[in-house]
Amino acid sequence: MAEFSEEAKDEQVTDSQTDSTEDSQDTNAEASKAESQQAQVDELTAKIDELENKYLRAEAEIQNIQSHAKKEQADLIKYGVQPLAKDILPIIDNLERALQVEVSDESGEQLKKGVSMVSDHLISAMKDNGVELLDVLGKPFDPQFSQAIQTVPADDDHPADTVVSVLQAGYKLKDRVLRPAMVVVAAD
């Protein structure tokens, strides 16, 4: 029986070594599986971060496009009459020239009165749409609003860099200059 118990002990030792080897292999397999799963989690997390970054950038780009479109739309509403106003300015100039002609008979006076009414109505319509005459006469010369065509010597009535006369009226639409005034400026 002693032999049997030695053999049983040897089997138990062998079994326990086998069990511990199996446990070690199971632990290694589990660790390897855990590392593989952690690598997958890290990879998926990186992909999620990348997609979230792309999403945030795309959302910001959409907001920029929307704000740009709103600004363009506001400018279009604000300055939409600009091409028409620019086309009408020479007509106003011609009406003003017609009003400067001296007439001596009754029919000429009536015609001049009609031209004056048309001019006044046209200027009023332009004002209603945000087009205004630039008031530069007697004021310091500003190249943003006026174009100096000629200079005259400064005197007591007209200090240097002052607009002495307006040769062609200038106009602005809201805060934008449609056409600068052509002026004569006093110089030293």
C-alpha atoms as a PDB file:
ATOM      1  CA  MET A   1       0.000   0.000   0.000  1.00  0.00           C
ATOM      2  CA  ALA A   2       2.870   2.204   0.587  1.00  0.00           C
ATOM      3  CA  GLU A   3       3.662   1.901  -3.046  1.00  0.00           C
ATOM      4  CA  PHE A   4       0.202   3.004  -3.926  1.00  0.00           C
ATOM      5  CA  SER A   5       0.395   5.986  -1.786  1.00  0.00           C
ATOM      6  CA  GLU A   6       3.741   6.995  -3.312  1.00  0.00           C
ATOM      7  CA  GLU A   7       2.206   6.687  -6.718  1.00  0.00           C
ATOM      8  CA  ALA A   8      -0.833   8.655  -5.606  1.00  0.00           C
ATOM      9  CA  LYS A   9       1.422  11.314  -4.217  1.00  0.00           C
ATOM     10  CA  ASP A  10       3.352  11.448  -7.470  1.00  0.00           C
ATOM     11  CA  GLU A  11       0.076  11.684  -9.400  1.00  0.00           C
ATOM     12  CA  GLN A  12      -1.137  14.400  -7.091  1.00  0.00           C
ATOM     13  CA  VAL A  13       2.107  16.323  -7.555  1.00  0.00           C
ATOM     14  CA  THR A  14       1.896  15.786 -11.319  1.00  0.00           C
ATOM     15  CA  ASP A  15      -1.781  16.763 -11.292  1.00  0.00           C
ATOM     16  CA  SER A  16      -1.069  19.875  -9.266  1.00  0.00           C
ATOM     17  CA  GLN A  17       1.799  20.784 -11.604  1.00  0.00           C
ATOM     18  CA  THR A  18      -0.498  20.221 -14.557  1.00  0.00           C
ATOM     19  CA  ASP A  19      -3.218  22.268 -12.869  1.00  0.00           C
ATOM     20  CA  SER A  20      -0.787  25.055 -12.128  1.00  0.00           C
ATOM     21  CA  THR A  21       0.540  24.919 -15.692  1.00  0.00           C
ATOM     22  CA  GLU A  22      -3.026  25.013 -17.000  1.00  0.00           C
ATOM     23  CA  ASP A  23      -3.852  27.866 -14.626  1.00  0.00           C
ATOM     24  CA  SER A  24      -0.738  29.691 -15.799  1.00  0.00           C
ATOM     25  CA  GLN A  25      -1.686  29.086 -19.413  1.00  0.00           C
ATOM     26  CA  ASP A  26      -5.275  30.208 -18.715  1.00  0.00           C
ATOM     27  CA  THR A  27      -3.955  33.333 -16.982  1.00  0.00           C
ATOM     28  CA  ASN A  28      -1.607  34.045 -19.894  1.00  0.00           C
ATOM     29  CA  ALA A  29      -4.432  33.467 -22.378  1.00  0.00           C
ATOM     30  CA  GLU A  30      -6.733  35.723 -20.381  1.00  0.00           C
ATOM     31  CA  ALA A  31      -4.028  38.385 -20.130  1.00  0.00           C
ATOM     32  CA  SER A  32      -3.361  38.138 -23.855  1.00  0.00           C
ATOM     33  CA  LYS A  33      -7.096  38.333 -24.546  1.00  0.00           C
ATOM     34  CA  ALA A  34      -7.410  41.343 -22.197  1.00  0.00           C
ATOM     35  CA  GLU A  35      -4.492  43.073 -23.919  1.00  0.00           C
ATOM     36  CA  SER A  36      -6.081  42.414 -27.318  1.00  0.00           C
ATOM     37  CA  GLN A  37      -9.415  43.764 -26.094  1.00  0.00           C
ATOM     38  CA  GLN A  38      -7.704  46.813 -24.560  1.00  0.00           C
ATOM     39  CA  ALA A  39      -5.937  47.443 -27.886  1.00  0.00           C
ATOM     40  CA  GLN A  40      -9.310  47.257 -29.648  1.00  0.00           C
ATOM     41  CA  VAL A  41     -10.842  49.637 -27.092  1.00  0.00           C
ATOM     42  CA  ASP A  42      -7.933  52.066 -27.546  1.00  0.00           C
ATOM     43  CA  GLU A  43      -8.263  51.863 -31.337  1.00  0.00           C
ATOM     44  CA  LEU A  44     -12.027  52.447 -31.190  1.00  0.00           C
ATOM     45  CA  THR A  45     -11.566  55.309 -28.738  1.00  0.00           C
ATOM     46  CA  ALA A  46      -9.075  56.935 -31.111  1.00  0.00           C
ATOM     47  CA  LYS A  47     -11.537  56.521 -34.001  1.00  0.00           C
ATOM     48  CA  ILE A  48     -14.344  58.030 -31.908  1.00  0.00           C
ATOM     49  CA  ASP A  49     -12.117  60.977 -30.974  1.00  0.00           C
ATOM     50  CA  GLU A  50     -11.182  61.485 -34.632  1.00  0.00           C
ATOM     51  CA  LEU A  51     -14.816  61.326 -35.774  1.00  0.00           C
ATOM     52  CA  GLU A  52     -15.886  63.674 -32.971  1.00  0.00           C
ATOM     53  CA  ASN A  53     -13.178  66.130 -34.022  1.00  0.00           C
ATOM     54  CA  LYS A  54     -14.325  65.906 -37.661  1.00  0.00           C
ATOM     55  CA  TYR A  55     -17.936  66.403 -36.557  1.00  0.00           C
ATOM     56  CA  LEU A  56     -17.065  69.483 -34.494  1.00  0.00           C
ATOM     57  CA  ARG A  57     -15.068  70.956 -37.384  1.00  0.00           C
ATOM     58  CA  ALA A  58     -17.912  70.286 -39.819  1.00  0.00           C
ATOM     59  CA  GLU A  59     -20.407  71.872 -37.427  1.00  0.00           C
ATOM     60  CA  ALA A  60     -18.190  74.951 -37.040  1.00  0.00           C
ATOM     61  CA  GLU A  61     -17.830  75.173 -40.825  1.00  0.00           C
ATOM     62  CA  ILE A  62     -21.609  75.018 -41.247  1.00  0.00           C
ATOM     63  CA  GLN A  63     -22.035  77.805 -38.703  1.00  0.00           C
ATOM     64  CA  ASN A  64     -19.430  79.899 -40.548  1.00  0.00           C
ATOM     65  CA  ILE A  65     -21.195  79.325 -43.855  1.00  0.00           C
ATOM     66  CA  GLN A  66     -24.550  80.251 -42.314  1.00  0.00           C
ATOM     67  CA  SER A  67     -23.212  83.444 -40.747  1.00  0.00           C
ATOM     68  CA  HIS A  68     -21.473  84.370 -44.027  1.00  0.00           C
ATOM     69  CA  ALA A  69     -24.718  83.752 -45.938  1.00  0.00           C
ATOM     70  CA  LYS A  70     -26.660  85.896 -43.449  1.00  0.00           C
ATOM     71  CA  LYS A  71     -24.134  88.719 -43.852  1.00  0.00           C
ATOM     72  CA  GLU A  72     -24.325  88.468 -47.639  1.00  0.00           C
ATOM     73  CA  GLN A  73     -28.110  88.505 -47.472  1.00  0.00           C
ATOM     74  CA  ALA A  74     -28.076  91.540 -45.175  1.00  0.00           C
ATOM     75  CA  ASP A  75     -25.657  93.322 -47.532  1.00  0.00           C
ATOM     76  CA  LEU A  76     -27.844  92.420 -50.484  1.00  0.00           C
ATOM     77  CA  ILE A  77     -30.855  93.900 -48.745  1.00  0.00           C
ATOM     78  CA  LYS A  78     -28.893  96.937 -47.600  1.00  0.00           C
ATOM     79  CA  TYR A  79     -27.088  97.642 -50.883  1.00  0.00           C
ATOM     80  CA  GLY A  80     -29.429  95.972 -53.394  1.00  0.00           C
ATOM     81  CA  VAL A  81     -30.364  99.270 -55.047  1.00  0.00           C
ATOM     82  CA  GLN A  82     -26.728 100.215 -55.670  1.00  0.00           C
ATOM     83  CA  PRO A  83     -26.573  99.274 -59.388  1.00  0.00           C
ATOM     84  CA  LEU A  84     -29.853 101.066 -60.111  1.00  0.00           C
ATOM     85  CA  ALA A  85     -28.790 104.108 -58.103  1.00  0.00           C
ATOM     86  CA  LYS A  86     -25.490 104.324 -60.003  1.00  0.00           C
ATOM     87  CA  ASP A  87     -27.419 104.237 -63.282  1.00  0.00           C
ATOM     88  CA  ILE A  88     -29.774 107.003 -62.125  1.00  0.00           C
ATOM     89  CA  LEU A  89     -27.051 109.424 -60.957  1.00  0.00           C
ATOM     90  CA  PRO A  90     -26.233 110.675 -64.503  1.00  0.00           C
ATOM     91  CA  ILE A  91     -29.947 111.318 -65.051  1.00  0.00           C
ATOM     92  CA  ILE A  92     -30.053 113.467 -61.916  1.00  0.00           C
ATOM     93  CA  ASP A  93     -26.933 115.302 -63.141  1.00  0.00           C
ATOM     94  CA  ASN A  94     -28.596 116.046 -66.489  1.00  0.00           C
ATOM     95  CA  LEU A  95     -31.767 117.280 -64.797  1.00  0.00           C
ATOM     96  CA  GLU A  96     -29.660 119.585 -62.596  1.00  0.00           C
ATOM     97  CA  ARG A  97     -27.896 120.941 -65.703  1.00  0.00           C
ATOM     98  CA  ALA A  98     -31.263 121.531 -67.370  1.00  0.00           C
ATOM     99  CA  LEU A  99     -32.412 123.501 -64.323  1.00  0.00           C
ATOM    100  CA  GLN A 100     -29.339 125.761 -64.569  1.00  0.00           C
ATOM    101  CA  VAL A 101     -30.311 126.935 -68.075  1.00  0.00           C
ATOM    102  CA  GLU A 102     -31.708 130.476 -68.116  1.00  0.00           C
ATOM    103  CA  VAL A 103     -35.118 130.834 -69.767  1.00  0.00           C
ATOM    104  CA  SER A 104     -36.893 134.040 -70.733  1.00  0.00           C
ATOM    105  CA  ASP A 105     -40.334 133.026 -71.965  1.00  0.00           C
ATOM    106  CA  GLU A 106     -43.436 131.549 -70.336  1.00  0.00           C
ATOM    107  CA  SER A 107     -43.181 128.124 -72.003  1.00  0.00           C
ATOM    108  CA  GLY A 108     -39.523 127.798 -70.949  1.00  0.00           C
ATOM    109  CA  GLU A 109     -40.513 128.588 -67.350  1.00  0.00           C
ATOM    110  CA  GLN A 110     -43.241 125.936 -67.468  1.00  0.00           C
ATOM    111  CA  LEU A 111     -40.803 123.391 -68.902  1.00  0.00           C
ATOM    112  CA  LYS A 112     -38.225 124.263 -66.251  1.00  0.00           C
ATOM    113  CA  LYS A 113     -40.879 123.880 -63.547  1.00  0.00           C
ATOM    114  CA  GLY A 114     -41.756 120.397 -64.886  1.00  0.00           C
ATOM    115  CA  VAL A 115     -38.088 119.388 -64.982  1.00  0.00           C
ATOM    116  CA  SER A 116     -37.713 120.646 -61.409  1.00  0.00           C
ATOM    117  CA  MET A 117     -40.678 118.554 -60.265  1.00  0.00           C
ATOM    118  CA  VAL A 118     -39.242 115.437 -61.945  1.00  0.00           C
ATOM    119  CA  SER A 119     -35.823 116.115 -60.396  1.00  0.00           C
ATOM    120  CA  ASP A 120     -37.302 116.644 -56.928  1.00  0.00           C
ATOM    121  CA  HIS A 121     -39.378 113.472 -57.205  1.00  0.00           C
ATOM    122  CA  LEU A 122     -36.376 111.434 -58.391  1.00  0.00           C
ATOM    123  CA  ILE A 123     -34.161 112.773 -55.577  1.00  0.00           C
ATOM    124  CA  SER A 124     -36.921 112.012 -53.070  1.00  0.00           C
ATOM    125  CA  ALA A 125     -37.222 108.444 -54.385  1.00  0.00           C
ATOM    126  CA  MET A 126     -33.471 108.030 -54.092  1.00  0.00           C
ATOM    127  CA  LYS A 127     -33.537 109.307 -50.472  1.00  0.00           C
ATOM    128  CA  ASP A 128     -36.329 106.882 -49.647  1.00  0.00           C
ATOM    129  CA  ASN A 129     -34.026 104.084 -50.792  1.00  0.00           C
ATOM    130  CA  GLY A 130     -31.034 105.244 -48.762  1.00  0.00           C
ATOM    131  CA  VAL A 131     -29.215 107.292 -51.433  1.00  0.00           C
ATOM    132  CA  GLU A 132     -28.139 110.704 -50.160  1.00  0.00           C
ATOM    133  CA  LEU A 133     -26.264 113.680 -51.513  1.00  0.00           C
ATOM    134  CA  LEU A 134     -22.799 114.139 -49.989  1.00  0.00           C
ATOM    135  CA  ASP A 135     -22.591 117.498 -48.226  1.00  0.00           C
ATOM    136  CA  VAL A 136     -18.976 118.563 -48.820  1.00  0.00           C
ATOM    137  CA  LEU A 137     -19.178 122.258 -49.749  1.00  0.00           C
ATOM    138  CA  GLY A 138     -17.286 124.477 -47.276  1.00  0.00           C
ATOM    139  CA  LYS A 139     -16.040 121.465 -45.306  1.00  0.00           C
ATOM    140  CA  PRO A 140     -12.501 120.090 -44.978  1.00  0.00           C
ATOM    141  CA  PHE A 141     -11.457 118.036 -48.003  1.00  0.00           C
ATOM    142  CA  ASP A 142     -11.870 114.288 -47.388  1.00  0.00           C
ATOM    143  CA  PRO A 143     -10.589 112.028 -50.185  1.00  0.00           C
ATOM    144  CA  GLN A 144     -12.998 109.321 -49.072  1.00  0.00           C
ATOM    145  CA  PHE A 145     -15.962 111.488 -50.120  1.00  0.00           C
ATOM    146  CA  SER A 146     -14.462 113.901 -52.652  1.00  0.00           C
ATOM    147  CA  GLN A 147     -12.171 113.907 -55.636  1.00  0.00           C
ATOM    148  CA  ALA A 148     -10.151 117.112 -56.054  1.00  0.00           C
ATOM    149  CA  ILE A 149     -10.282 118.209 -59.687  1.00  0.00           C
ATOM    150  CA  GLN A 150      -8.813 121.663 -59.249  1.00  0.00           C
ATOM    151  CA  THR A 151      -7.184 123.822 -56.592  1.00  0.00           C
ATOM    152  CA  VAL A 152      -7.442 127.548 -55.940  1.00  0.00           C
ATOM    153  CA  PRO A 153      -5.379 129.727 -53.602  1.00  0.00           C
ATOM    154  CA  ALA A 154      -6.634 129.790 -50.006  1.00  0.00           C
ATOM    155  CA  ASP A 155      -8.074 133.069 -48.715  1.00  0.00           C
ATOM    156  CA  ASP A 156      -9.911 134.384 -45.648  1.00  0.00           C
ATOM    157  CA  ASP A 157     -13.243 132.891 -46.774  1.00  0.00           C
ATOM    158  CA  HIS A 158     -11.752 129.551 -47.788  1.00  0.00           C
ATOM    159  CA  PRO A 159      -8.943 128.193 -45.556  1.00  0.00           C
ATOM    160  CA  ALA A 160      -6.474 125.630 -46.952  1.00  0.00           C
ATOM    161  CA  ASP A 161      -7.809 122.113 -47.581  1.00  0.00           C
ATOM    162  CA  THR A 162     -11.414 123.293 -47.703  1.00  0.00           C
ATOM    163  CA  VAL A 163     -13.874 122.481 -50.493  1.00  0.00           C
ATOM    164  CA  VAL A 164     -14.547 125.747 -52.352  1.00  0.00           C
ATOM    165  CA  SER A 165     -17.049 124.504 -54.931  1.00  0.00           C
ATOM    166  CA  VAL A 166     -18.657 121.286 -56.142  1.00  0.00           C
ATOM    167  CA  LEU A 167     -18.375 120.561 -59.860  1.00  0.00           C
ATOM    168  CA  GLN A 168     -20.312 117.280 -59.728  1.00  0.00           C
ATOM    169  CA  ALA A 169     -22.365 116.129 -56.747  1.00  0.00           C
ATOM    170  CA  GLY A 170     -21.347 113.020 -54.856  1.00  0.00           C
ATOM    171  CA  TYR A 171     -23.739 110.450 -53.442  1.00  0.00           C
ATOM    172  CA  LYS A 172     -23.674 107.701 -50.851  1.00  0.00           C
ATOM    173  CA  LEU A 173     -25.871 104.670 -50.253  1.00  0.00           C
ATOM    174  CA  LYS A 174     -26.298 104.172 -46.511  1.00  0.00           C
ATOM    175  CA  ASP A 175     -22.621 104.126 -45.429  1.00  0.00           C
ATOM    176  CA  ARG A 176     -21.086 103.332 -48.835  1.00  0.00           C
ATOM    177  CA  VAL A 177     -19.931 106.024 -51.286  1.00  0.00           C
ATOM    178  CA  LEU A 178     -21.617 105.526 -54.659  1.00  0.00           C
ATOM    179  CA  ARG A 179     -19.763 108.341 -56.349  1.00  0.00           C
ATOM    180  CA  PRO A 180     -17.340 110.830 -54.798  1.00  0.00           C
ATOM    181  CA  ALA A 181     -18.027 114.524 -55.353  1.00  0.00           C
ATOM    182  CA  MET A 182     -15.779 116.271 -57.881  1.00  0.00           C
ATOM    183  CA  VAL A 183     -14.612 119.418 -56.110  1.00  0.00           C
ATOM    184  CA  VAL A 184     -12.373 122.477 -56.185  1.00  0.00           C
ATOM    185  CA  VAL A 185     -10.157 122.682 -53.083  1.00  0.00           C
ATOM    186  CA  ALA A 186      -8.396 125.685 -51.539  1.00  0.00           C
ATOM    187  CA  ALA A 187      -4.651 125.119 -51.218  1.00  0.00           C
ATOM    188  CA  ASP A 188      -1.737 127.026 -49.659  1.00  0.00           C
END
